[in-house]
Structures are given as C-alpha cells and as structure tokens.
Protein backbone atom coordinates (compact mmCIF):
# COMPACT_ATOMS: atom_id res chain seq x y z
CA UNK A 1 80.90 119.91 116.75
CA UNK A 2 79.71 121.35 113.74
CA UNK A 3 82.74 120.22 112.11
CA UNK A 4 81.32 116.93 111.81
CA UNK A 5 79.00 114.77 110.05
CA UNK A 6 76.40 112.83 111.26
CA UNK A 7 78.41 109.21 111.33
CA UNK A 8 81.52 111.28 113.02
CA UNK A 9 83.61 108.71 110.82
CA UNK A 10 84.82 111.67 108.41
CA UNK A 11 85.29 114.34 112.02
CA UNK A 12 88.80 115.50 110.89
CA UNK A 13 89.13 117.77 113.68
CA UNK A 14 89.13 114.41 116.06
CA UNK A 15 91.84 112.45 114.63
CA UNK A 16 94.14 112.97 118.08
CA UNK A 17 92.24 113.10 121.11
CA UNK A 18 93.58 115.17 124.09
CA UNK A 19 91.75 113.12 126.19
CA UNK A 20 91.92 109.34 125.64
CA UNK A 21 90.10 107.74 128.58
CA UNK A 22 90.94 103.88 129.93
CA UNK A 23 87.33 102.74 130.57
CA UNK A 24 84.31 103.90 127.78
CA UNK A 25 81.00 102.86 128.58
CA UNK A 26 78.04 103.01 125.87
CA UNK A 27 74.64 103.40 127.16
CA UNK A 28 71.66 105.21 128.62
CA UNK A 29 71.25 107.72 131.68
CA UNK A 30 68.25 108.71 132.86
CA UNK A 31 66.61 111.41 135.13
CA UNK A 32 65.07 109.82 138.43
CA UNK A 33 62.56 111.16 140.55
CA UNK A 34 62.25 109.72 144.04
CA UNK A 35 59.70 110.01 146.89
CA UNK A 36 59.67 108.49 149.96
CA UNK A 37 55.99 108.37 149.86
CA UNK A 38 53.74 105.71 147.34
CA UNK A 39 53.05 106.77 144.27
CA UNK A 40 49.88 107.31 144.39
CA UNK A 41 50.44 109.98 147.41
CA UNK A 42 53.64 111.67 146.25
CA UNK A 43 53.76 115.18 146.19
CA UNK A 44 57.64 116.16 146.34
CA UNK A 45 60.33 114.34 144.11
CA UNK A 46 63.91 114.79 144.60
CA UNK A 47 65.92 114.49 140.91
CA UNK A 48 68.99 112.72 140.42
CA UNK A 49 70.39 110.82 137.58
CA UNK A 50 70.53 107.05 137.01
CA UNK A 51 71.79 104.55 134.89
CA UNK A 52 73.76 101.10 134.99
CA UNK A 53 76.27 101.99 132.31
CA UNK A 54 76.68 105.60 133.90
CA UNK A 55 76.83 104.36 137.15
CA UNK A 56 79.67 101.92 137.06
CA UNK A 57 82.18 104.93 135.26
CA UNK A 58 81.07 107.15 138.06
CA UNK A 59 82.31 104.16 140.25
CA UNK A 60 85.70 103.62 138.39
CA UNK A 61 86.48 107.51 137.64
CA UNK A 62 85.67 108.33 141.41
CA UNK A 63 88.61 105.70 142.29
CA UNK A 64 90.62 107.23 140.33
CA UNK A 65 90.02 105.87 136.03
CA UNK A 66 89.98 107.64 133.89
CA UNK A 67 86.50 107.16 131.87
CA UNK A 68 83.91 108.21 128.39
CA UNK A 69 80.57 108.21 128.21
CA UNK A 70 79.24 106.83 124.69
CA UNK A 71 75.50 108.01 124.71
CA UNK A 72 73.15 110.02 122.84
CA UNK A 73 71.00 112.72 124.50
CA UNK A 74 67.66 114.84 124.08
CA UNK A 75 67.88 118.74 123.86
CA UNK A 76 65.39 118.99 126.23
CA UNK A 77 65.66 121.26 129.45
CA UNK A 78 67.25 118.36 130.95
CA UNK A 79 70.40 117.87 128.68
CA UNK A 80 72.65 120.33 130.35
CA UNK A 81 71.97 118.67 134.07
CA UNK A 82 72.84 115.40 132.32
CA UNK A 83 75.96 117.11 131.17
CA UNK A 84 76.70 118.68 134.07
CA UNK A 85 76.42 115.56 136.18
CA UNK A 86 78.69 113.74 133.90
CA UNK A 87 81.30 116.31 133.70
CA UNK A 88 81.25 117.06 137.52
CA UNK A 89 82.21 113.02 137.90
CA UNK A 90 85.32 113.75 135.90
CA UNK A 91 83.61 112.23 133.18
CA UNK A 92 84.85 112.70 129.43
CA UNK A 93 81.75 113.90 127.15
CA UNK A 94 83.68 114.39 124.10
CA UNK A 95 81.23 111.56 122.53
CA UNK A 96 77.89 112.22 124.08
CA UNK A 97 76.02 112.98 121.04
CA UNK A 98 72.70 115.66 120.93
CA UNK A 99 70.17 114.85 119.33
CA UNK A 100 66.10 116.21 118.96
CA UNK A 101 64.27 113.93 121.42
CA UNK A 102 63.58 113.84 125.06
CA UNK A 103 65.60 111.88 128.11
CA UNK A 104 64.61 109.35 129.46
CA UNK A 105 62.97 109.43 133.22
CA UNK A 106 61.63 107.30 135.47
CA UNK A 107 60.25 107.61 138.90
CA UNK A 108 60.97 105.72 141.83
CA UNK A 109 58.91 105.61 145.18
CA UNK A 110 58.38 103.59 148.62
CA UNK A 111 55.68 101.47 149.21
CA UNK A 112 54.10 101.09 152.87
CA UNK A 113 55.74 97.53 153.04
CA UNK A 114 59.38 99.04 152.25
CA UNK A 115 59.37 97.67 148.80
CA UNK A 116 60.26 100.07 146.00
CA UNK A 117 57.90 100.82 142.85
CA UNK A 118 59.04 102.23 139.98
CA UNK A 119 57.21 103.76 136.54
CA UNK A 120 59.45 104.39 133.43
CA UNK A 121 58.98 106.99 130.82
CA UNK A 122 61.85 105.55 128.02
CA UNK A 123 60.70 104.28 124.93
CA UNK A 124 61.47 105.98 122.16
CA UNK A 125 63.90 108.60 124.06
CA UNK A 126 66.92 109.86 122.83
CA UNK A 127 69.66 107.42 123.96
CA UNK A 128 67.91 104.25 121.91
CA UNK A 129 67.65 106.24 118.64
CA UNK A 130 71.98 105.61 118.63
CA UNK A 131 73.36 104.05 115.85
CA UNK A 132 76.34 102.21 114.67
CA UNK A 133 77.61 104.77 112.18
CA UNK A 134 77.89 107.19 115.15
CA UNK A 135 80.86 105.89 117.06
CA UNK A 136 83.99 106.93 116.42
CA UNK A 137 86.22 103.37 116.20
CA UNK A 138 89.63 105.44 116.82
CA UNK A 139 88.01 106.61 120.71
CA UNK A 140 87.19 103.09 121.40
CA UNK A 141 90.77 102.17 119.81
CA UNK A 142 92.65 104.30 122.27
CA UNK A 143 90.89 103.00 124.99
CA UNK A 144 91.64 100.01 127.82
CA UNK A 145 88.23 98.30 128.26
CA UNK A 146 85.10 99.30 126.85
CA UNK A 147 81.92 98.36 129.04
CA UNK A 148 78.74 97.14 127.63
CA UNK A 149 74.83 97.32 129.19
CA UNK A 150 72.39 94.79 128.71
CA UNK A 151 70.23 97.46 129.47
CA UNK A 152 71.39 99.31 126.40
CA UNK A 153 70.68 96.28 124.45
CA UNK A 154 67.12 95.93 125.58
CA UNK A 155 66.14 99.49 124.77
CA UNK A 156 65.83 99.64 120.84
CA UNK A 157 67.31 97.46 117.84
CA UNK A 158 69.29 100.31 116.91
CA UNK A 159 71.25 100.37 120.08
CA UNK A 160 71.55 96.86 120.76
CA UNK A 161 73.65 97.01 117.25
CA UNK A 162 75.56 99.78 118.32
CA UNK A 163 76.32 97.80 121.37
CA UNK A 164 77.41 95.07 119.49
CA UNK A 165 79.35 97.10 116.97
CA UNK A 166 81.28 98.62 119.73
CA UNK A 167 82.51 95.55 121.41
CA UNK A 168 83.73 94.49 117.76
CA UNK A 169 85.59 97.27 117.22
CA UNK A 170 86.80 96.65 120.90
CA UNK A 171 88.00 93.37 120.21
CA UNK A 172 89.47 93.70 116.80
CA UNK A 173 91.92 96.23 118.30
CA UNK A 174 92.57 94.41 121.43
CA UNK A 175 90.47 96.69 124.12
CA UNK A 176 89.46 94.88 126.37
CA UNK A 177 85.40 94.53 126.75
CA UNK A 178 83.27 94.08 130.05
CA UNK A 179 79.79 93.06 130.00
CA UNK A 180 76.92 93.72 132.65
CA UNK A 181 73.56 91.62 130.68
CA UNK A 182 71.40 93.51 134.01
CA UNK A 183 68.27 91.62 132.78
CA UNK A 184 65.16 93.86 132.97
CA UNK A 185 61.88 91.99 132.26
CA UNK A 186 60.17 95.25 131.69
CA UNK A 187 62.54 95.94 128.55
CA UNK A 188 62.35 92.72 126.82
CA UNK A 189 61.61 88.70 127.23
CA UNK A 190 64.60 86.20 128.33
CA UNK A 191 64.61 84.86 124.81
CA UNK A 192 65.58 88.21 123.24
CA UNK A 193 68.07 88.23 126.08
CA UNK A 194 69.55 85.43 125.51
CA UNK A 195 70.23 86.27 121.69
CA UNK A 196 71.47 89.77 122.67
CA UNK A 197 74.01 87.58 125.04
CA UNK A 198 75.18 85.41 123.01
CA UNK A 199 76.05 87.74 120.07
CA UNK A 200 78.28 89.53 122.07
CA UNK A 201 79.66 86.83 124.24
CA UNK A 202 82.61 86.24 121.75
CA UNK A 203 84.10 89.36 122.19
CA UNK A 204 83.55 89.41 125.81
CA UNK A 205 86.70 89.51 128.15
CA UNK A 206 84.65 90.11 131.92
CA UNK A 207 81.57 89.00 132.36
CA UNK A 208 79.51 90.45 135.18
CA UNK A 209 75.81 88.76 135.46
CA UNK A 210 74.02 88.72 138.86
CA UNK A 211 72.84 85.79 140.35
CA UNK A 212 69.81 84.47 140.56
CA UNK A 213 68.29 87.30 138.36
CA UNK A 214 69.92 86.72 135.33
CA UNK A 215 71.53 83.34 136.10
CA UNK A 216 68.10 82.57 135.70
CA UNK A 217 66.81 84.08 132.60
CA UNK A 218 70.11 83.78 130.91
CA UNK A 219 71.48 79.89 131.52
CA UNK A 220 68.26 78.69 133.43
CA UNK A 221 70.40 78.02 136.68
CA UNK A 222 70.35 79.77 140.35
CA UNK A 223 74.16 78.34 140.87
CA UNK A 224 76.71 81.02 140.04
CA UNK A 225 79.50 78.10 139.57
CA UNK A 226 77.42 76.88 136.59
CA UNK A 227 77.11 80.71 135.11
CA UNK A 228 80.81 80.51 135.58
CA UNK A 229 81.19 77.25 133.54
CA UNK A 230 78.67 78.38 131.18
CA UNK A 231 80.83 81.91 130.31
CA UNK A 232 83.90 79.86 130.39
CA UNK A 233 82.79 77.49 127.57
CA UNK A 234 81.84 80.72 125.69
CA UNK A 235 85.44 82.11 125.65
CA UNK A 236 84.91 84.25 128.62
CA UNK A 237 88.10 84.18 130.69
CA UNK A 238 87.29 86.33 133.68
CA UNK A 239 83.67 85.98 135.30
CA UNK A 240 82.56 87.83 138.22
CA UNK A 241 78.85 86.71 139.66
CA UNK A 242 77.21 89.09 141.79
CA UNK A 243 75.45 87.74 144.59
CA UNK A 244 73.56 90.67 146.54
CA UNK A 245 73.34 90.41 150.06
CA UNK A 246 75.59 86.98 149.72
CA UNK A 247 78.76 88.97 147.96
CA UNK A 248 80.20 87.71 144.95
CA UNK A 249 81.75 84.76 143.32
CA UNK A 250 84.79 85.11 141.04
CA UNK A 251 85.78 83.24 138.36
CA UNK A 252 88.82 82.44 136.01
CA UNK A 253 89.39 79.27 134.03
CA UNK A 254 91.48 78.15 136.82
CA UNK A 255 90.23 79.25 140.21
CA UNK A 256 86.93 80.48 141.83
CA UNK A 257 86.62 83.02 144.59
CA UNK A 258 84.02 83.86 147.07
CA UNK A 259 83.76 86.69 148.68
CA UNK A 260 81.27 88.02 152.03
CA UNK A 261 79.91 91.34 152.00
CA UNK A 262 80.81 94.29 153.66
CA UNK A 263 78.60 96.43 154.74
CA UNK A 264 80.07 99.85 155.99
CA UNK A 265 76.75 100.35 158.29
CA UNK A 266 72.86 100.06 158.19
CA UNK A 267 72.03 99.02 154.93
CA UNK A 268 69.67 101.94 153.49
CA UNK A 269 69.20 101.23 149.95
CA UNK A 270 71.06 98.58 147.82
CA UNK A 271 70.41 100.57 144.39
CA UNK A 272 73.46 100.95 142.51
CA UNK A 273 75.50 98.37 144.64
CA UNK A 274 76.02 95.67 142.02
CA UNK A 275 77.61 98.72 139.73
CA UNK A 276 79.71 100.12 142.29
CA UNK A 277 81.15 96.74 142.67
CA UNK A 278 81.39 96.31 139.25
CA UNK A 279 83.43 99.70 138.56
CA UNK A 280 85.72 99.47 141.42
CA UNK A 281 86.21 95.64 139.83
CA UNK A 282 87.01 96.81 136.83
CA UNK A 283 88.91 99.82 138.30
CA UNK A 284 91.62 97.69 140.02
CA UNK A 285 91.69 95.49 137.01
CA UNK A 286 93.11 98.53 135.17
CA UNK A 287 95.24 99.21 137.58
CA UNK A 288 97.26 95.51 137.41
CA UNK A 289 95.78 94.66 140.55
CA UNK A 290 95.11 90.64 141.02
CA UNK A 291 91.53 89.29 141.07
CA UNK A 292 91.38 88.79 144.93
CA UNK A 293 92.07 92.57 145.47
CA UNK A 294 89.92 93.88 142.62
CA UNK A 295 87.17 92.13 144.04
CA UNK A 296 87.72 93.40 147.77
CA UNK A 297 88.17 96.99 145.76
CA UNK A 298 84.36 96.52 144.12
CA UNK A 299 83.28 94.42 148.12
CA UNK A 300 84.07 97.54 149.80
CA UNK A 301 83.00 100.21 147.05
CA UNK A 302 79.26 97.99 147.16
CA UNK A 303 79.27 97.63 151.06
CA UNK A 304 79.99 101.76 151.08
CA UNK A 305 77.44 102.20 148.69
CA UNK A 306 74.45 100.16 150.25
CA UNK A 307 74.97 103.04 153.51
CA UNK A 308 73.36 106.07 151.47
CA UNK A 309 70.09 106.59 149.36
CA UNK A 310 69.95 106.38 145.53
CA UNK A 311 73.36 105.23 143.22
CA UNK A 312 75.82 108.04 142.44
CA UNK A 313 75.12 110.13 146.35
CA UNK A 314 76.97 107.40 148.52
CA UNK A 315 79.37 106.03 145.82
CA UNK A 316 82.73 106.55 147.96
CA UNK A 317 86.23 108.11 146.72
CA UNK A 318 89.54 106.58 146.08
CA UNK A 319 90.88 107.56 149.90
CA UNK A 320 87.91 106.09 151.41
CA UNK A 321 88.22 102.45 149.54
CA UNK A 322 91.66 102.56 149.91
CA UNK A 323 92.09 103.07 153.59
CA UNK A 324 89.44 100.27 153.99
CA UNK A 325 91.10 97.74 151.61
CA UNK A 326 94.34 98.40 153.71
CA UNK A 327 93.15 97.63 157.08
CA UNK A 328 91.15 94.15 155.63
CA UNK A 329 94.57 93.12 154.04
C-alpha cells in the first residue's frame, strides 16, 4: 500500500481490519519443482508451492478456520503465482509484503531406491529479509493464535528476530502462540536451533515437535514422553509430538494421550503429513474441541494427505474430515 511506510506501524488506513483471521502463520513459502526421475536425468518438473508455515494454514483453512499469512515475496515472475495460491486457499494476504528480490525454490526428485532428493535455492531469498519493524502489531493482536516455525527462524537472523517479535506481540496481547521447531540440518546446526527454541519457549502455548527428528536434536532424547516433560518444565501447557508412522502423543500437564495413525489408503507420499496433522489440531483447538477431538481431526487430515503426492494437493476439506471423524467416534 503506497500510503504505508516501510514499518507498516504508521499505516493509518489499516487501523481497522475488515478481515481479522483467527489463525496467523509467519514464515517462508517456496516454489517446488518435482520430478519422478532422479535429479541427474529429470527433464520435466511439475510446479507447486511448498513451505511448512503455509502448509499448516492451508490445512486449517480447508477445515473452515479463517487464516492469514505473514511473509515477504520477491518481485520475480513467481510472485503472482504464489499470491494466487494463497488467495485461492482463502488465506488473508493483506500482510504479505513485496520487495525487490527472488522467491526461494527447491527441486524434489525420486531416486531409484524410492528416497527423495532435495536441492534448495533459498539463501538470500525475499522471505529471509523480513524484519521485526515490518510486523503490524494490531494484525497479530486481533488473531486467536500466532503460529511460528523453526524454519522461519533458521533462514536468516532478521527472520529469526521477526518470529520472536511476532510471538512476543501475541503473548503480550493474550493471543496463543503455537510453535513447530521443525529442525532442518541444511539450515543450521543443533546448538543454534536449541538457542532459537529456548528464546521462543517462554511465549509458547502449543508446542508441536516431531520425534525422533526434533526430539534428538533439541532435547537429546528419542522419548516423546520426555519431550512433553521438558516442554512442561518450560511452561508450555499443550504439547503434540508427531511420531510419523507411529502416530502422535498429545500431552498436557495432567494427561498424555496416544493416537495411532489413520491412513485412508495406500501411502503414496508423507510430505506435509505433519503439517496437515498440526493444522487440523489447531483448527479443532480453535473450535473449542477437546484435546482428543482436536488430535483426531489432525490424525484424519494426515491420514488422507499421505494418500496423494505433495503437501497441498491431497490435503482434505472439512466435509471429508468431519465425516470420517464422526464415523470414528
């Protein structure tokens, strides 16, 4: 908006928002280019959008939660495609920034043994240049939950500072903070990731790690019960530990619930399953459902997501999920 200065804080035209999403997410989305062939032989790639901070709000949005995205896009030819993707999912984009620069991309291919190979082009991307002064505190204040990602912390020092500032603004205004540490060894080392986690934890209400990947790096354990205990010691009341093919463990200060996975068919691709689960869980939480009901919604979302390729394509919509949840109840 030409009426706004760079900080967005003196933007008089945005004092009152017509759209006030219940769930916000801050982070980076990337262009994904996928091929079934190995990287050295692939000739054709299919374009899509990737990124944990986007996946989780798409999952929640498809279930009926109002969502908004805080990110920065580069003004390259992919910018319009990314924005169109966000808006097509019903995500509020009033606080998606634009700047000179490029949007991150990664290539994903399938190797002969079935494993996936990734090549990233993201260093210095536009999302990594986001700064705390570019946040609008009023936008965060009017939400019900602010979701933060460890990947967004990892992509640059300024992005890490912005994630922390968003969590602090939310906490100060009584807005819940959810946090998925989502450790990626390509982005930083374990000590940096632990430091970033510890600085954010005082503001976190819902902690969403995975085990063993996050657990071993951040807490030096593969025991999800210990992860719940460690998070409770840091003041986090609600902990959801995703366990991949072993389901999930949901813990509060008073109880721990175990959920087995619920695949809806043959497993095609596990990409985005964790994000789908977490988006479903947060949706249920915001709807006032119990921990078990919220986790069951997430479980159904993940079980459907793994039956298709990619993160966003197979993510389910409200009717399909709620029908399955009713049948399981």
